[in-house]
Amino acid sequence: MIEAEWWDYEDGDELAEAVAGDVAFIIESAIDARGSAVIALAGGSTPKPILEKLADAKLDWKRVTIIPTDERVVAMTDPLSNVAMLARIFLPKGARVIPLVSEKAADYKAAGAAASSRLTDFHWPLDLVWLGVGKDGHTASIFPGPDYDDALNAPAERRMVGVMPDPLPQDAPVARITLTRAAIQSAKTILIVITGEDKKVAVERAIKDGDSSPLPIGRVLAGLETPVDIHWAA
């Protein structure tokens, strides 16, 4: 059974305040314990106002390394790039923001392999993995498709893989790279942030179904040995 603790908020502002505070505490704790923090943050519209509030926290940002939980296989100048948004918010604070897609990658599989190799340069396990959940139940860029099994069952040493969602999302019809289930589950803290009743119902159902869930979020959380915090606002 997946152990999850739900945190419900009246609105997006209350959600942003709480999540930004929690993430700042995680970062500060890692810096106090080890002298640095390495975290994976989600991109997209829901996290953006929370991340902007987080960036105002009085932290030693020069000791913080940030990677995206997943990335679209596009140039950093492309509006679809997740790391570009993270860089705009956190580079001015002094944090290291690591791009994981090389425009020289021959294809999305090669991009995933290159990203996985690059992550070996950083402290592992991650201090935090922040996950979002789509209306279809995907999380990070773990979608149904030809690479679904690879993302779910890749060995621990493969921290990222290239994936081609099927069908391609209409709002971003491109290949992706994503943290694998093993990489996500190894994190010291896993935090999920969602909005909307439909996503709440989907996540509740996925948690109940566990490894038999038809939704990626259920499969990703199945077998998790540490509790997960889920922050939700309508």
C-alpha atoms as a PDB file:
ATOM      1  CA  MET A   1       0.000   0.000   0.000  1.00  0.00           C
ATOM      2  CA  ILE A   2       1.333   3.423  -0.968  1.00  0.00           C
ATOM      3  CA  GLU A   3       1.668   5.649   2.084  1.00  0.00           C
ATOM      4  CA  ALA A   4       0.529   9.150   1.144  1.00  0.00           C
ATOM      5  CA  GLU A   5      -0.261  12.218   3.213  1.00  0.00           C
ATOM      6  CA  TRP A   6      -2.639  14.723   1.630  1.00  0.00           C
ATOM      7  CA  TRP A   7      -2.428  18.457   2.207  1.00  0.00           C
ATOM      8  CA  ASP A   8      -5.481  20.391   0.982  1.00  0.00           C
ATOM      9  CA  TYR A   9      -5.567  24.147   0.459  1.00  0.00           C
ATOM     10  CA  GLU A  10      -8.269  26.724  -0.094  1.00  0.00           C
ATOM     11  CA  ASP A  11      -6.658  28.247  -3.178  1.00  0.00           C
ATOM     12  CA  GLY A  12      -3.523  28.491  -5.280  1.00  0.00           C
ATOM     13  CA  ASP A  13      -1.950  31.207  -3.144  1.00  0.00           C
ATOM     14  CA  GLU A  14      -2.178  29.086  -0.004  1.00  0.00           C
ATOM     15  CA  LEU A  15      -0.815  26.106  -1.955  1.00  0.00           C
ATOM     16  CA  ALA A  16       2.115  28.131  -3.256  1.00  0.00           C
ATOM     17  CA  GLU A  17       3.000  29.475   0.180  1.00  0.00           C
ATOM     18  CA  ALA A  18       2.970  26.013   1.769  1.00  0.00           C
ATOM     19  CA  VAL A  19       4.834  24.151  -0.958  1.00  0.00           C
ATOM     20  CA  ALA A  20       7.488  26.841  -1.324  1.00  0.00           C
ATOM     21  CA  GLY A  21       8.041  26.690   2.438  1.00  0.00           C
ATOM     22  CA  ASP A  22       8.333  22.904   2.427  1.00  0.00           C
ATOM     23  CA  VAL A  23      10.798  22.858  -0.464  1.00  0.00           C
ATOM     24  CA  ALA A  24      12.892  25.604   1.120  1.00  0.00           C
ATOM     25  CA  PHE A  25      13.074  23.537   4.315  1.00  0.00           C
ATOM     26  CA  ILE A  26      14.203  20.453   2.345  1.00  0.00           C
ATOM     27  CA  ILE A  27      16.903  22.468   0.599  1.00  0.00           C
ATOM     28  CA  GLU A  28      18.090  24.084   3.824  1.00  0.00           C
ATOM     29  CA  SER A  29      18.204  20.716   5.603  1.00  0.00           C
ATOM     30  CA  ALA A  30      20.328  19.201   2.827  1.00  0.00           C
ATOM     31  CA  ILE A  31      22.730  22.138   2.899  1.00  0.00           C
ATOM     32  CA  ASP A  32      23.031  21.894   6.677  1.00  0.00           C
ATOM     33  CA  ALA A  33      23.678  18.145   6.508  1.00  0.00           C
ATOM     34  CA  ARG A  34      25.947  17.927   3.481  1.00  0.00           C
ATOM     35  CA  GLY A  35      26.843  21.420   2.341  1.00  0.00           C
ATOM     36  CA  SER A  36      24.750  21.220  -0.832  1.00  0.00           C
ATOM     37  CA  ALA A  37      21.353  20.228  -2.220  1.00  0.00           C
ATOM     38  CA  VAL A  38      20.415  18.521  -5.495  1.00  0.00           C
ATOM     39  CA  ILE A  39      16.751  18.649  -6.428  1.00  0.00           C
ATOM     40  CA  ALA A  40      14.549  17.790  -9.402  1.00  0.00           C
ATOM     41  CA  LEU A  41      11.726  20.210 -10.141  1.00  0.00           C
ATOM     42  CA  ALA A  42       8.703  19.925 -12.394  1.00  0.00           C
ATOM     43  CA  GLY A  43       8.001  22.347 -15.215  1.00  0.00           C
ATOM     44  CA  GLY A  44       4.667  23.566 -16.507  1.00  0.00           C
ATOM     45  CA  SER A  45       2.047  26.120 -15.545  1.00  0.00           C
ATOM     46  CA  THR A  46       1.087  24.746 -12.101  1.00  0.00           C
ATOM     47  CA  PRO A  47       4.594  24.860 -10.568  1.00  0.00           C
ATOM     48  CA  LYS A  48       5.595  28.262 -11.991  1.00  0.00           C
ATOM     49  CA  PRO A  49       4.041  30.573  -9.345  1.00  0.00           C
ATOM     50  CA  ILE A  50       5.228  28.235  -6.586  1.00  0.00           C
ATOM     51  CA  LEU A  51       8.762  28.214  -7.964  1.00  0.00           C
ATOM     52  CA  GLU A  52       8.769  32.000  -8.206  1.00  0.00           C
ATOM     53  CA  LYS A  53       7.790  32.180  -4.528  1.00  0.00           C
ATOM     54  CA  LEU A  54      10.449  29.577  -3.665  1.00  0.00           C
ATOM     55  CA  ALA A  55      13.084  31.716  -5.382  1.00  0.00           C
ATOM     56  CA  ASP A  56      12.387  34.475  -2.856  1.00  0.00           C
ATOM     57  CA  ALA A  57      13.459  32.213   0.013  1.00  0.00           C
ATOM     58  CA  LYS A  58      16.624  33.329   1.781  1.00  0.00           C
ATOM     59  CA  LEU A  59      18.735  30.288   0.969  1.00  0.00           C
ATOM     60  CA  ASP A  60      22.366  29.804  -0.003  1.00  0.00           C
ATOM     61  CA  TRP A  61      21.362  29.237  -3.608  1.00  0.00           C
ATOM     62  CA  LYS A  62      24.967  28.827  -4.751  1.00  0.00           C
ATOM     63  CA  ARG A  63      24.910  25.465  -2.977  1.00  0.00           C
ATOM     64  CA  VAL A  64      21.780  24.298  -4.829  1.00  0.00           C
ATOM     65  CA  THR A  65      21.753  22.268  -8.045  1.00  0.00           C
ATOM     66  CA  ILE A  66      18.471  22.002  -9.933  1.00  0.00           C
ATOM     67  CA  ILE A  67      17.556  19.565 -12.685  1.00  0.00           C
ATOM     68  CA  PRO A  68      14.192  19.130 -14.417  1.00  0.00           C
ATOM     69  CA  THR A  69      12.292  15.960 -13.581  1.00  0.00           C
ATOM     70  CA  ASP A  70      11.759  15.667 -17.317  1.00  0.00           C
ATOM     71  CA  GLU A  71      12.493  17.613 -20.443  1.00  0.00           C
ATOM     72  CA  ARG A  72      11.224  17.967 -23.974  1.00  0.00           C
ATOM     73  CA  VAL A  73      13.816  17.135 -26.645  1.00  0.00           C
ATOM     74  CA  VAL A  74      13.988  20.697 -27.933  1.00  0.00           C
ATOM     75  CA  ALA A  75      16.502  23.529 -27.885  1.00  0.00           C
ATOM     76  CA  MET A  76      16.721  25.614 -24.694  1.00  0.00           C
ATOM     77  CA  THR A  77      15.437  28.562 -26.694  1.00  0.00           C
ATOM     78  CA  ASP A  78      12.216  26.688 -27.494  1.00  0.00           C
ATOM     79  CA  PRO A  79       9.146  27.780 -25.470  1.00  0.00           C
ATOM     80  CA  LEU A  80       8.552  24.085 -24.662  1.00  0.00           C
ATOM     81  CA  SER A  81      11.826  23.768 -22.754  1.00  0.00           C
ATOM     82  CA  ASN A  82      11.353  23.035 -19.054  1.00  0.00           C
ATOM     83  CA  VAL A  83      14.907  23.889 -18.099  1.00  0.00           C
ATOM     84  CA  ALA A  84      14.590  27.323 -19.683  1.00  0.00           C
ATOM     85  CA  MET A  85      11.826  28.224 -17.235  1.00  0.00           C
ATOM     86  CA  LEU A  86      13.853  26.912 -14.285  1.00  0.00           C
ATOM     87  CA  ALA A  87      16.888  28.869 -15.475  1.00  0.00           C
ATOM     88  CA  ARG A  88      14.935  32.126 -15.744  1.00  0.00           C
ATOM     89  CA  ILE A  89      13.729  31.768 -12.167  1.00  0.00           C
ATOM     90  CA  PHE A  90      16.774  30.366 -10.361  1.00  0.00           C
ATOM     91  CA  LEU A  91      19.938  31.367 -12.226  1.00  0.00           C
ATOM     92  CA  PRO A  92      19.613  34.990 -11.063  1.00  0.00           C
ATOM     93  CA  LYS A  93      19.598  33.624  -7.499  1.00  0.00           C
ATOM     94  CA  GLY A  94      22.913  31.871  -8.058  1.00  0.00           C
ATOM     95  CA  ALA A  95      21.640  28.276  -8.257  1.00  0.00           C
ATOM     96  CA  ARG A  96      23.068  25.801 -10.765  1.00  0.00           C
ATOM     97  CA  VAL A  97      20.408  24.805 -13.288  1.00  0.00           C
ATOM     98  CA  ILE A  98      21.461  21.823 -15.367  1.00  0.00           C
ATOM     99  CA  PRO A  99      20.263  21.425 -18.972  1.00  0.00           C
ATOM    100  CA  LEU A 100      19.909  17.741 -19.822  1.00  0.00           C
ATOM    101  CA  VAL A 101      19.169  17.828 -23.544  1.00  0.00           C
ATOM    102  CA  SER A 102      21.958  18.335 -26.027  1.00  0.00           C
ATOM    103  CA  GLU A 103      20.962  19.620 -29.426  1.00  0.00           C
ATOM    104  CA  LYS A 104      23.664  17.311 -30.784  1.00  0.00           C
ATOM    105  CA  ALA A 105      21.791  14.179 -29.638  1.00  0.00           C
ATOM    106  CA  ALA A 106      21.035  11.984 -32.630  1.00  0.00           C
ATOM    107  CA  ASP A 107      17.563  11.034 -31.343  1.00  0.00           C
ATOM    108  CA  TYR A 108      15.484  10.940 -28.181  1.00  0.00           C
ATOM    109  CA  LYS A 109      16.969   7.614 -27.067  1.00  0.00           C
ATOM    110  CA  ALA A 110      20.452   9.069 -27.347  1.00  0.00           C
ATOM    111  CA  ALA A 111      19.264  12.178 -25.504  1.00  0.00           C
ATOM    112  CA  GLY A 112      18.003  10.016 -22.649  1.00  0.00           C
ATOM    113  CA  ALA A 113      21.254   8.056 -22.449  1.00  0.00           C
ATOM    114  CA  ALA A 114      23.309  11.266 -22.442  1.00  0.00           C
ATOM    115  CA  ALA A 115      21.162  12.788 -19.688  1.00  0.00           C
ATOM    116  CA  SER A 116      21.440   9.652 -17.562  1.00  0.00           C
ATOM    117  CA  SER A 117      25.210   9.706 -17.938  1.00  0.00           C
ATOM    118  CA  ARG A 118      25.378  13.373 -16.990  1.00  0.00           C
ATOM    119  CA  LEU A 119      23.461  12.787 -13.764  1.00  0.00           C
ATOM    120  CA  THR A 120      26.266  10.563 -12.499  1.00  0.00           C
ATOM    121  CA  ASP A 121      28.222  13.790 -11.899  1.00  0.00           C
ATOM    122  CA  PHE A 122      25.860  14.843  -9.114  1.00  0.00           C
ATOM    123  CA  HIS A 123      25.113  13.671  -5.586  1.00  0.00           C
ATOM    124  CA  TRP A 124      22.710  10.754  -5.509  1.00  0.00           C
ATOM    125  CA  PRO A 125      20.049  10.067  -4.345  1.00  0.00           C
ATOM    126  CA  LEU A 126      18.311  13.349  -5.028  1.00  0.00           C
ATOM    127  CA  ASP A 127      17.235  15.358  -2.006  1.00  0.00           C
ATOM    128  CA  LEU A 128      13.858  16.030  -3.613  1.00  0.00           C
ATOM    129  CA  VAL A 129      11.814  14.971  -6.614  1.00  0.00           C
ATOM    130  CA  TRP A 130       8.819  17.219  -7.285  1.00  0.00           C
ATOM    131  CA  LEU A 131       6.191  15.538  -9.444  1.00  0.00           C
ATOM    132  CA  GLY A 132       3.174  16.903 -11.217  1.00  0.00           C
ATOM    133  CA  VAL A 133       0.385  14.766 -12.636  1.00  0.00           C
ATOM    134  CA  GLY A 134      -1.420  15.277 -15.941  1.00  0.00           C
ATOM    135  CA  LYS A 135      -5.138  14.756 -16.469  1.00  0.00           C
ATOM    136  CA  ASP A 136      -4.234  11.507 -18.229  1.00  0.00           C
ATOM    137  CA  GLY A 137      -2.314  10.311 -15.169  1.00  0.00           C
ATOM    138  CA  HIS A 138       1.202  10.787 -16.553  1.00  0.00           C
ATOM    139  CA  THR A 139       3.905  12.044 -14.226  1.00  0.00           C
ATOM    140  CA  ALA A 140       7.273  13.559 -15.136  1.00  0.00           C
ATOM    141  CA  SER A 141       7.301  12.371 -18.781  1.00  0.00           C
ATOM    142  CA  ILE A 142       6.310   8.789 -18.044  1.00  0.00           C
ATOM    143  CA  PHE A 143       3.560   8.243 -20.590  1.00  0.00           C
ATOM    144  CA  PRO A 144       2.048   5.161 -22.167  1.00  0.00           C
ATOM    145  CA  GLY A 145       3.819   4.411 -25.421  1.00  0.00           C
ATOM    146  CA  PRO A 146       6.654   2.339 -26.853  1.00  0.00           C
ATOM    147  CA  ASP A 147       9.059   3.356 -24.063  1.00  0.00           C
ATOM    148  CA  TYR A 148       6.658   3.019 -21.113  1.00  0.00           C
ATOM    149  CA  ASP A 149       8.174  -0.210 -19.824  1.00  0.00           C
ATOM    150  CA  ASP A 150      11.668   1.223 -20.154  1.00  0.00           C
ATOM    151  CA  ALA A 151      10.763   4.223 -17.967  1.00  0.00           C
ATOM    152  CA  LEU A 152       9.095   2.026 -15.355  1.00  0.00           C
ATOM    153  CA  ASN A 153      11.562  -0.848 -15.224  1.00  0.00           C
ATOM    154  CA  ALA A 154      14.950   0.560 -16.180  1.00  0.00           C
ATOM    155  CA  PRO A 155      17.709  -0.550 -13.788  1.00  0.00           C
ATOM    156  CA  ALA A 156      18.753   1.790 -10.983  1.00  0.00           C
ATOM    157  CA  GLU A 157      21.895   2.946 -12.765  1.00  0.00           C
ATOM    158  CA  ARG A 158      19.811   4.362 -15.655  1.00  0.00           C
ATOM    159  CA  ARG A 159      18.504   7.538 -14.105  1.00  0.00           C
ATOM    160  CA  MET A 160      16.903   8.989 -17.224  1.00  0.00           C
ATOM    161  CA  VAL A 161      15.521   7.511 -20.427  1.00  0.00           C
ATOM    162  CA  GLY A 162      14.210   8.878 -23.676  1.00  0.00           C
ATOM    163  CA  VAL A 163      10.491   8.389 -24.302  1.00  0.00           C
ATOM    164  CA  MET A 164       8.044   8.949 -27.134  1.00  0.00           C
ATOM    165  CA  PRO A 165       4.501   9.383 -25.765  1.00  0.00           C
ATOM    166  CA  ASP A 166       1.749   7.687 -27.754  1.00  0.00           C
ATOM    167  CA  PRO A 167      -0.350   9.590 -28.507  1.00  0.00           C
ATOM    168  CA  LEU A 168       1.737  12.737 -28.437  1.00  0.00           C
ATOM    169  CA  PRO A 169       0.261  15.451 -26.194  1.00  0.00           C
ATOM    170  CA  GLN A 170      -1.372  18.154 -28.283  1.00  0.00           C
ATOM    171  CA  ASP A 171       0.200  20.974 -26.292  1.00  0.00           C
ATOM    172  CA  ALA A 172       3.738  19.601 -26.665  1.00  0.00           C
ATOM    173  CA  PRO A 173       3.937  17.002 -29.458  1.00  0.00           C
ATOM    174  CA  VAL A 174       7.615  16.141 -29.033  1.00  0.00           C
ATOM    175  CA  ALA A 175       9.772  13.353 -27.618  1.00  0.00           C
ATOM    176  CA  ARG A 176      10.918  13.625 -23.990  1.00  0.00           C
ATOM    177  CA  ILE A 177      13.524  12.502 -21.530  1.00  0.00           C
ATOM    178  CA  THR A 178      12.420  11.619 -18.013  1.00  0.00           C
ATOM    179  CA  LEU A 179      13.623  10.409 -14.664  1.00  0.00           C
ATOM    180  CA  THR A 180      12.914   6.694 -14.397  1.00  0.00           C
ATOM    181  CA  ARG A 181      10.716   5.149 -11.731  1.00  0.00           C
ATOM    182  CA  ALA A 182      13.828   3.838  -9.961  1.00  0.00           C
ATOM    183  CA  ALA A 183      15.407   7.304  -9.920  1.00  0.00           C
ATOM    184  CA  ILE A 184      12.212   8.873  -8.605  1.00  0.00           C
ATOM    185  CA  GLN A 185      11.717   6.244  -5.928  1.00  0.00           C
ATOM    186  CA  SER A 186      15.299   6.591  -4.705  1.00  0.00           C
ATOM    187  CA  ALA A 187      14.802  10.270  -3.791  1.00  0.00           C
ATOM    188  CA  LYS A 188      14.970  11.235  -0.125  1.00  0.00           C
ATOM    189  CA  THR A 189      11.701  13.156  -0.487  1.00  0.00           C
ATOM    190  CA  ILE A 190       8.956  12.866  -3.103  1.00  0.00           C
ATOM    191  CA  LEU A 191       6.442  15.646  -3.328  1.00  0.00           C
ATOM    192  CA  ILE A 192       3.399  15.786  -5.631  1.00  0.00           C
ATOM    193  CA  VAL A 193       1.651  19.061  -6.433  1.00  0.00           C
ATOM    194  CA  ILE A 194      -1.696  19.007  -8.247  1.00  0.00           C
ATOM    195  CA  THR A 195      -4.708  21.237  -8.782  1.00  0.00           C
ATOM    196  CA  GLY A 196      -8.247  20.407  -9.823  1.00  0.00           C
ATOM    197  CA  GLU A 197     -10.769  17.835  -8.677  1.00  0.00           C
ATOM    198  CA  ASP A 198     -10.156  15.583 -11.682  1.00  0.00           C
ATOM    199  CA  LYS A 199      -6.477  15.145 -10.850  1.00  0.00           C
ATOM    200  CA  LYS A 200      -7.237  14.521  -7.191  1.00  0.00           C
ATOM    201  CA  VAL A 201      -9.666  11.745  -8.101  1.00  0.00           C
ATOM    202  CA  ALA A 202      -7.155  10.240 -10.545  1.00  0.00           C
ATOM    203  CA  VAL A 203      -4.320  10.216  -8.003  1.00  0.00           C
ATOM    204  CA  GLU A 204      -6.526   8.773  -5.269  1.00  0.00           C
ATOM    205  CA  ARG A 205      -7.583   5.985  -7.601  1.00  0.00           C
ATOM    206  CA  ALA A 206      -4.023   5.367  -8.768  1.00  0.00           C
ATOM    207  CA  ILE A 207      -2.794   5.052  -5.182  1.00  0.00           C
ATOM    208  CA  LYS A 208      -5.565   2.585  -4.396  1.00  0.00           C
ATOM    209  CA  ASP A 209      -4.788   0.470  -7.470  1.00  0.00           C
ATOM    210  CA  GLY A 210      -1.013   0.567  -7.007  1.00  0.00           C
ATOM    211  CA  ASP A 211       0.935  -1.631  -9.398  1.00  0.00           C
ATOM    212  CA  SER A 212      -2.268  -2.647 -11.177  1.00  0.00           C
ATOM    213  CA  SER A 213      -3.099   0.997 -11.938  1.00  0.00           C
ATOM    214  CA  PRO A 214      -3.641   1.839 -15.610  1.00  0.00           C
ATOM    215  CA  LEU A 215      -2.186   5.279 -14.855  1.00  0.00           C
ATOM    216  CA  PRO A 216       1.554   6.025 -14.883  1.00  0.00           C
ATOM    217  CA  ILE A 217       1.406   7.846 -11.527  1.00  0.00           C
ATOM    218  CA  GLY A 218       0.059   4.703  -9.877  1.00  0.00           C
ATOM    219  CA  ARG A 219       2.796   2.566 -11.368  1.00  0.00           C
ATOM    220  CA  VAL A 220       5.494   5.072 -10.427  1.00  0.00           C
ATOM    221  CA  LEU A 221       4.404   5.179  -6.785  1.00  0.00           C
ATOM    222  CA  ALA A 222       3.771   1.429  -6.445  1.00  0.00           C
ATOM    223  CA  GLY A 223       6.269  -0.230  -4.137  1.00  0.00           C
ATOM    224  CA  LEU A 224       7.517   3.076  -2.783  1.00  0.00           C
ATOM    225  CA  GLU A 225       9.082   2.506   0.624  1.00  0.00           C
ATOM    226  CA  THR A 226       8.896   6.098   1.840  1.00  0.00           C
ATOM    227  CA  PRO A 227       5.776   8.238   2.375  1.00  0.00           C
ATOM    228  CA  VAL A 228       4.841  10.768  -0.298  1.00  0.00           C
ATOM    229  CA  ASP A 229       3.365  14.214   0.420  1.00  0.00           C
ATOM    230  CA  ILE A 230       0.580  15.291  -1.945  1.00  0.00           C
ATOM    231  CA  HIS A 231      -0.338  18.966  -2.044  1.00  0.00           C
ATOM    232  CA  TRP A 232      -3.685  19.817  -3.670  1.00  0.00           C
ATOM    233  CA  ALA A 233      -5.851  22.847  -4.290  1.00  0.00           C
ATOM    234  CA  ALA A 234      -9.092  22.983  -6.240  1.00  0.00           C
END
